[in-house]
Amino acid sequence: MESELYGSGVASQAVIVGRTTDGDIILRVGFPAELVQAELVLDGEHRILRETLTAPYHLITRTFGYPRGVKR
């Protein structure tokens, strides 16, 4: 995750836009200089569950799973 655009923990634009029906956080981050934006769905431990990245001519969607009982 550290190699991702948001891996540094710094985004020039970030906003929590709501929650899923399961209570997970929906966060949108933007990197205008790179022409990239991302929508991240975070669980209660702030781990990324789903990601949608958009950039010119690109749409990338990913889902992430974590072993049960494993904490950060």
PDB file of N, CA and C in Angstrom:
ATOM      1  N   MET A   1       0.808  -1.184   0.000  1.00  0.00           N
ATOM      2  CA  MET A   1       0.000   0.000   0.000  1.00  0.00           C
ATOM      3  C   MET A   1       0.861   1.261   0.000  1.00  0.00           C
ATOM      4  N   GLU A   2       2.060   1.158   0.522  1.00  0.00           N
ATOM      5  CA  GLU A   2       2.910   2.346   0.590  1.00  0.00           C
ATOM      6  C   GLU A   2       3.271   2.880  -0.784  1.00  0.00           C
ATOM      7  N   SER A   3       3.221   2.042  -1.814  1.00  0.00           N
ATOM      8  CA  SER A   3       3.572   2.502  -3.157  1.00  0.00           C
ATOM      9  C   SER A   3       2.392   3.179  -3.862  1.00  0.00           C
ATOM     10  N   GLU A   4       1.200   3.124  -3.277  1.00  0.00           N
ATOM     11  CA  GLU A   4       0.040   3.781  -3.864  1.00  0.00           C
ATOM     12  C   GLU A   4       0.141   5.294  -3.694  1.00  0.00           C
ATOM     13  N   LEU A   5      -0.613   6.040  -4.500  1.00  0.00           N
ATOM     14  CA  LEU A   5      -0.604   7.500  -4.407  1.00  0.00           C
ATOM     15  C   LEU A   5      -0.924   7.977  -2.998  1.00  0.00           C
ATOM     16  N   TYR A   6      -1.857   7.305  -2.328  1.00  0.00           N
ATOM     17  CA  TYR A   6      -2.274   7.714  -0.988  1.00  0.00           C
ATOM     18  C   TYR A   6      -1.444   7.043   0.106  1.00  0.00           C
ATOM     19  N   GLY A   7      -0.426   6.289  -0.261  1.00  0.00           N
ATOM     20  CA  GLY A   7       0.389   5.558   0.700  1.00  0.00           C
ATOM     21  C   GLY A   7       1.124   6.447   1.688  1.00  0.00           C
ATOM     22  N   SER A   8       1.415   7.668   1.303  1.00  0.00           N
ATOM     23  CA  SER A   8       2.108   8.594   2.210  1.00  0.00           C
ATOM     24  C   SER A   8       1.174   9.134   3.280  1.00  0.00           C
ATOM     25  N   GLY A   9      -0.133   8.954   3.078  1.00  0.00           N
ATOM     26  CA  GLY A   9      -1.110   9.509   4.016  1.00  0.00           C
ATOM     27  C   GLY A   9      -1.448  10.959   3.734  1.00  0.00           C
ATOM     28  N   VAL A  10      -0.924  11.493   2.623  1.00  0.00           N
ATOM     29  CA  VAL A  10      -1.151  12.896   2.275  1.00  0.00           C
ATOM     30  C   VAL A  10      -1.825  12.971   0.901  1.00  0.00           C
ATOM     31  N   ALA A  11      -2.972  13.633   0.860  1.00  0.00           N
ATOM     32  CA  ALA A  11      -3.663  13.882  -0.405  1.00  0.00           C
ATOM     33  C   ALA A  11      -4.019  15.357  -0.429  1.00  0.00           C
ATOM     34  N   SER A  12      -3.918  15.982  -1.596  1.00  0.00           N
ATOM     35  CA  SER A  12      -4.225  17.406  -1.656  1.00  0.00           C
ATOM     36  C   SER A  12      -5.718  17.669  -1.484  1.00  0.00           C
ATOM     37  N   GLN A  13      -6.540  16.667  -1.753  1.00  0.00           N
ATOM     38  CA  GLN A  13      -7.980  16.788  -1.545  1.00  0.00           C
ATOM     39  C   GLN A  13      -8.467  15.507  -0.888  1.00  0.00           C
ATOM     40  N   ALA A  14      -9.254  15.631   0.170  1.00  0.00           N
ATOM     41  CA  ALA A  14      -9.820  14.452   0.837  1.00  0.00           C
ATOM     42  C   ALA A  14     -11.116  14.837   1.520  1.00  0.00           C
ATOM     43  N   VAL A  15     -12.122  13.975   1.381  1.00  0.00           N
ATOM     44  CA  VAL A  15     -13.404  14.232   2.028  1.00  0.00           C
ATOM     45  C   VAL A  15     -14.100  12.904   2.309  1.00  0.00           C
ATOM     46  N   ILE A  16     -14.677  12.798   3.496  1.00  0.00           N
ATOM     47  CA  ILE A  16     -15.527  11.655   3.811  1.00  0.00           C
ATOM     48  C   ILE A  16     -16.908  11.995   3.258  1.00  0.00           C
ATOM     49  N   VAL A  17     -17.413  11.154   2.365  1.00  0.00           N
ATOM     50  CA  VAL A  17     -18.677  11.467   1.701  1.00  0.00           C
ATOM     51  C   VAL A  17     -19.861  10.698   2.279  1.00  0.00           C
ATOM     52  N   GLY A  18     -19.603   9.752   3.168  1.00  0.00           N
ATOM     53  CA  GLY A  18     -20.709   9.020   3.765  1.00  0.00           C
ATOM     54  C   GLY A  18     -20.280   7.664   4.263  1.00  0.00           C
ATOM     55  N   ARG A  19     -21.288   6.815   4.432  1.00  0.00           N
ATOM     56  CA  ARG A  19     -21.071   5.450   4.912  1.00  0.00           C
ATOM     57  C   ARG A  19     -21.894   4.488   4.065  1.00  0.00           C
ATOM     58  N   THR A  20     -21.399   3.271   3.966  1.00  0.00           N
ATOM     59  CA  THR A  20     -22.147   2.226   3.278  1.00  0.00           C
ATOM     60  C   THR A  20     -23.274   1.751   4.189  1.00  0.00           C
ATOM     61  N   THR A  21     -24.134   0.895   3.684  1.00  0.00           N
ATOM     62  CA  THR A  21     -25.204   0.344   4.513  1.00  0.00           C
ATOM     63  C   THR A  21     -24.643  -0.530   5.628  1.00  0.00           C
ATOM     64  N   ASP A  22     -23.399  -1.010   5.473  1.00  0.00           N
ATOM     65  CA  ASP A  22     -22.737  -1.809   6.512  1.00  0.00           C
ATOM     66  C   ASP A  22     -22.020  -0.939   7.534  1.00  0.00           C
ATOM     67  N   GLY A  23     -22.022   0.382   7.327  1.00  0.00           N
ATOM     68  CA  GLY A  23     -21.365   1.293   8.257  1.00  0.00           C
ATOM     69  C   GLY A  23     -19.920   1.599   7.919  1.00  0.00           C
ATOM     70  N   ASP A  24     -19.426   1.097   6.785  1.00  0.00           N
ATOM     71  CA  ASP A  24     -18.051   1.389   6.372  1.00  0.00           C
ATOM     72  C   ASP A  24     -17.951   2.827   5.858  1.00  0.00           C
ATOM     73  N   ILE A  25     -16.794   3.431   5.996  1.00  0.00           N
ATOM     74  CA  ILE A  25     -16.562   4.829   5.618  1.00  0.00           C
ATOM     75  C   ILE A  25     -16.247   4.916   4.125  1.00  0.00           C
ATOM     76  N   ILE A  26     -16.859   5.893   3.451  1.00  0.00           N
ATOM     77  CA  ILE A  26     -16.540   6.168   2.048  1.00  0.00           C
ATOM     78  C   ILE A  26     -15.714   7.454   2.017  1.00  0.00           C
ATOM     79  N   LEU A  27     -14.494   7.345   1.543  1.00  0.00           N
ATOM     80  CA  LEU A  27     -13.542   8.459   1.502  1.00  0.00           C
ATOM     81  C   LEU A  27     -13.135   8.702   0.060  1.00  0.00           C
ATOM     82  N   ARG A  28     -13.169   9.958  -0.347  1.00  0.00           N
ATOM     83  CA  ARG A  28     -12.678  10.311  -1.681  1.00  0.00           C
ATOM     84  C   ARG A  28     -11.441  11.177  -1.534  1.00  0.00           C
ATOM     85  N   VAL A  29     -10.418  10.841  -2.302  1.00  0.00           N
ATOM     86  CA  VAL A  29      -9.167  11.596  -2.280  1.00  0.00           C
ATOM     87  C   VAL A  29      -8.809  11.990  -3.708  1.00  0.00           C
ATOM     88  N   GLY A  30      -8.187  13.155  -3.839  1.00  0.00           N
ATOM     89  CA  GLY A  30      -7.820  13.639  -5.151  1.00  0.00           C
ATOM     90  C   GLY A  30      -6.371  14.073  -5.219  1.00  0.00           C
ATOM     91  N   PHE A  31      -5.798  13.834  -6.371  1.00  0.00           N
ATOM     92  CA  PHE A  31      -4.421  14.222  -6.657  1.00  0.00           C
ATOM     93  C   PHE A  31      -4.432  14.962  -7.998  1.00  0.00           C
ATOM     94  N   PRO A  32      -4.836  16.238  -7.979  1.00  0.00           N
ATOM     95  CA  PRO A  32      -5.012  16.978  -9.236  1.00  0.00           C
ATOM     96  C   PRO A  32      -3.762  17.048 -10.104  1.00  0.00           C
ATOM     97  N   ALA A  33      -2.606  17.158  -9.514  1.00  0.00           N
ATOM     98  CA  ALA A  33      -1.380  17.243 -10.318  1.00  0.00           C
ATOM     99  C   ALA A  33      -1.153  15.975 -11.135  1.00  0.00           C
ATOM    100  N   GLU A  34      -1.625  14.844 -10.621  1.00  0.00           N
ATOM    101  CA  GLU A  34      -1.484  13.571 -11.328  1.00  0.00           C
ATOM    102  C   GLU A  34      -2.736  13.221 -12.127  1.00  0.00           C
ATOM    103  N   LEU A  35      -3.785  14.059 -12.034  1.00  0.00           N
ATOM    104  CA  LEU A  35      -5.073  13.826 -12.698  1.00  0.00           C
ATOM    105  C   LEU A  35      -5.706  12.514 -12.243  1.00  0.00           C
ATOM    106  N   VAL A  36      -5.568  12.218 -10.949  1.00  0.00           N
ATOM    107  CA  VAL A  36      -6.075  10.969 -10.382  1.00  0.00           C
ATOM    108  C   VAL A  36      -6.999  11.284  -9.214  1.00  0.00           C
ATOM    109  N   GLN A  37      -8.074  10.514  -9.110  1.00  0.00           N
ATOM    110  CA  GLN A  37      -8.913  10.573  -7.920  1.00  0.00           C
ATOM    111  C   GLN A  37      -9.246   9.142  -7.523  1.00  0.00           C
ATOM    112  N   ALA A  38      -9.529   8.955  -6.245  1.00  0.00           N
ATOM    113  CA  ALA A  38      -9.826   7.622  -5.740  1.00  0.00           C
ATOM    114  C   ALA A  38     -10.991   7.687  -4.767  1.00  0.00           C
ATOM    115  N   GLU A  39     -11.807   6.649  -4.807  1.00  0.00           N
ATOM    116  CA  GLU A  39     -12.825   6.460  -3.791  1.00  0.00           C
ATOM    117  C   GLU A  39     -12.433   5.199  -3.027  1.00  0.00           C
ATOM    118  N   LEU A  40     -12.288   5.343  -1.724  1.00  0.00           N
ATOM    119  CA  LEU A  40     -11.885   4.232  -0.867  1.00  0.00           C
ATOM    120  C   LEU A  40     -13.010   3.916   0.098  1.00  0.00           C
ATOM    121  N   VAL A  41     -13.262   2.645   0.314  1.00  0.00           N
ATOM    122  CA  VAL A  41     -14.207   2.202   1.333  1.00  0.00           C
ATOM    123  C   VAL A  41     -13.374   1.579   2.445  1.00  0.00           C
ATOM    124  N   LEU A  42     -13.501   2.144   3.648  1.00  0.00           N
ATOM    125  CA  LEU A  42     -12.690   1.733   4.788  1.00  0.00           C
ATOM    126  C   LEU A  42     -13.547   1.043   5.837  1.00  0.00           C
ATOM    127  N   ASP A  43     -12.999   0.001   6.467  1.00  0.00           N
ATOM    128  CA  ASP A  43     -13.745  -0.670   7.534  1.00  0.00           C
ATOM    129  C   ASP A  43     -13.551   0.070   8.855  1.00  0.00           C
ATOM    130  N   GLY A  44     -14.078  -0.474   9.931  1.00  0.00           N
ATOM    131  CA  GLY A  44     -13.999   0.151  11.244  1.00  0.00           C
ATOM    132  C   GLY A  44     -12.590   0.292  11.783  1.00  0.00           C
ATOM    133  N   GLU A  45     -11.650  -0.470  11.211  1.00  0.00           N
ATOM    134  CA  GLU A  45     -10.236  -0.363  11.613  1.00  0.00           C
ATOM    135  C   GLU A  45      -9.451   0.490  10.622  1.00  0.00           C
ATOM    136  N   HIS A  46     -10.171   1.166   9.719  1.00  0.00           N
ATOM    137  CA  HIS A  46      -9.598   2.045   8.694  1.00  0.00           C
ATOM    138  C   HIS A  46      -8.735   1.298   7.681  1.00  0.00           C
ATOM    139  N   ARG A  47      -9.049   0.026   7.482  1.00  0.00           N
ATOM    140  CA  ARG A  47      -8.385  -0.749   6.425  1.00  0.00           C
ATOM    141  C   ARG A  47      -9.185  -0.584   5.142  1.00  0.00           C
ATOM    142  N   ILE A  48      -8.504  -0.539   4.018  1.00  0.00           N
ATOM    143  CA  ILE A  48      -9.175  -0.381   2.732  1.00  0.00           C
ATOM    144  C   ILE A  48      -9.848  -1.701   2.356  1.00  0.00           C
ATOM    145  N   LEU A  49     -11.152  -1.627   2.091  1.00  0.00           N
ATOM    146  CA  LEU A  49     -11.908  -2.792   1.635  1.00  0.00           C
ATOM    147  C   LEU A  49     -12.071  -2.783   0.120  1.00  0.00           C
ATOM    148  N   ARG A  50     -12.393  -1.598  -0.423  1.00  0.00           N
ATOM    149  CA  ARG A  50     -12.584  -1.439  -1.858  1.00  0.00           C
ATOM    150  C   ARG A  50     -11.958  -0.126  -2.310  1.00  0.00           C
ATOM    151  N   GLU A  51     -11.555  -0.116  -3.565  1.00  0.00           N
ATOM    152  CA  GLU A  51     -10.913   1.078  -4.119  1.00  0.00           C
ATOM    153  C   GLU A  51     -11.354   1.226  -5.571  1.00  0.00           C
ATOM    154  N   THR A  52     -11.658   2.462  -5.944  1.00  0.00           N
ATOM    155  CA  THR A  52     -11.913   2.799  -7.342  1.00  0.00           C
ATOM    156  C   THR A  52     -11.027   3.983  -7.677  1.00  0.00           C
ATOM    157  N   LEU A  53     -10.105   3.783  -8.607  1.00  0.00           N
ATOM    158  CA  LEU A  53      -9.203   4.847  -9.065  1.00  0.00           C
ATOM    159  C   LEU A  53      -9.623   5.269 -10.463  1.00  0.00           C
ATOM    160  N   THR A  54      -9.661   6.582 -10.687  1.00  0.00           N
ATOM    161  CA  THR A  54      -9.942   7.085 -12.020  1.00  0.00           C
ATOM    162  C   THR A  54      -8.860   8.074 -12.415  1.00  0.00           C
ATOM    163  N   ALA A  55      -8.472   7.967 -13.660  1.00  0.00           N
ATOM    164  CA  ALA A  55      -7.482   8.856 -14.266  1.00  0.00           C
ATOM    165  C   ALA A  55      -7.821   8.904 -15.756  1.00  0.00           C
ATOM    166  N   PRO A  56      -7.261   9.854 -16.489  1.00  0.00           N
ATOM    167  CA  PRO A  56      -7.565   9.890 -17.918  1.00  0.00           C
ATOM    168  C   PRO A  56      -7.315   8.521 -18.568  1.00  0.00           C
ATOM    169  N   TYR A  57      -8.356   7.994 -19.201  1.00  0.00           N
ATOM    170  CA  TYR A  57      -8.311   6.721 -19.926  1.00  0.00           C
ATOM    171  C   TYR A  57      -8.110   5.498 -19.031  1.00  0.00           C
ATOM    172  N   HIS A  58      -8.316   5.638 -17.725  1.00  0.00           N
ATOM    173  CA  HIS A  58      -8.141   4.514 -16.802  1.00  0.00           C
ATOM    174  C   HIS A  58      -9.278   4.475 -15.770  1.00  0.00           C
ATOM    175  N   LEU A  59      -9.724   3.277 -15.485  1.00  0.00           N
ATOM    176  CA  LEU A  59     -10.643   3.011 -14.390  1.00  0.00           C
ATOM    177  C   LEU A  59     -10.164   1.710 -13.758  1.00  0.00           C
ATOM    178  N   ILE A  60      -9.779   1.778 -12.506  1.00  0.00           N
ATOM    179  CA  ILE A  60      -9.240   0.621 -11.809  1.00  0.00           C
ATOM    180  C   ILE A  60     -10.084   0.377 -10.566  1.00  0.00           C
ATOM    181  N   THR A  61     -10.589  -0.839 -10.414  1.00  0.00           N
ATOM    182  CA  THR A  61     -11.326  -1.197  -9.214  1.00  0.00           C
ATOM    183  C   THR A  61     -10.643  -2.403  -8.578  1.00  0.00           C
ATOM    184  N   ARG A  62     -10.544  -2.367  -7.264  1.00  0.00           N
ATOM    185  CA  ARG A  62      -9.924  -3.479  -6.534  1.00  0.00           C
ATOM    186  C   ARG A  62     -10.685  -3.699  -5.233  1.00  0.00           C
ATOM    187  N   THR A  63     -10.646  -4.916  -4.761  1.00  0.00           N
ATOM    188  CA  THR A  63     -11.163  -5.235  -3.439  1.00  0.00           C
ATOM    189  C   THR A  63     -10.038  -5.900  -2.656  1.00  0.00           C
ATOM    190  N   PHE A  64     -10.095  -5.746  -1.345  1.00  0.00           N
ATOM    191  CA  PHE A  64      -9.052  -6.271  -0.474  1.00  0.00           C
ATOM    192  C   PHE A  64      -9.687  -7.146   0.595  1.00  0.00           C
ATOM    193  N   GLY A  65      -9.005  -8.209   0.964  1.00  0.00           N
ATOM    194  CA  GLY A  65      -9.454  -9.074   2.042  1.00  0.00           C
ATOM    195  C   GLY A  65      -8.372  -9.197   3.097  1.00  0.00           C
ATOM    196  N   TYR A  66      -8.776  -9.442   4.306  1.00  0.00           N
ATOM    197  CA  TYR A  66      -7.844  -9.551   5.419  1.00  0.00           C
ATOM    198  C   TYR A  66      -8.152 -10.827   6.199  1.00  0.00           C
ATOM    199  N   PRO A  67      -7.124 -11.549   6.608  1.00  0.00           N
ATOM    200  CA  PRO A  67      -7.369 -12.757   7.410  1.00  0.00           C
ATOM    201  C   PRO A  67      -8.098 -12.411   8.698  1.00  0.00           C
ATOM    202  N   ARG A  68      -8.980 -13.265   9.116  1.00  0.00           N
ATOM    203  CA  ARG A  68      -9.707 -13.037  10.371  1.00  0.00           C
ATOM    204  C   ARG A  68      -8.749 -13.071  11.545  1.00  0.00           C
ATOM    205  N   GLY A  69      -9.010 -12.193  12.499  1.00  0.00           N
ATOM    206  CA  GLY A  69      -8.214 -12.169  13.713  1.00  0.00           C
ATOM    207  C   GLY A  69      -6.887 -11.447  13.592  1.00  0.00           C
ATOM    208  N   VAL A  70      -6.546 -10.982  12.396  1.00  0.00           N
ATOM    209  CA  VAL A  70      -5.281 -10.270  12.201  1.00  0.00           C
ATOM    210  C   VAL A  70      -5.552  -8.791  12.305  1.00  0.00           C
ATOM    211  N   LYS A  71      -4.853  -8.128  13.191  1.00  0.00           N
ATOM    212  CA  LYS A  71      -4.995  -6.684  13.377  1.00  0.00           C
ATOM    213  C   LYS A  71      -3.798  -6.001  12.712  1.00  0.00           C
ATOM    214  N   ARG A  72      -3.949  -4.707  12.462  1.00  0.00           N
ATOM    215  CA  ARG A  72      -2.848  -3.940  11.884  1.00  0.00           C
ATOM    216  C   ARG A  72      -1.701  -3.835  12.848  1.00  0.00           C
TER     217      ARG A  72
END
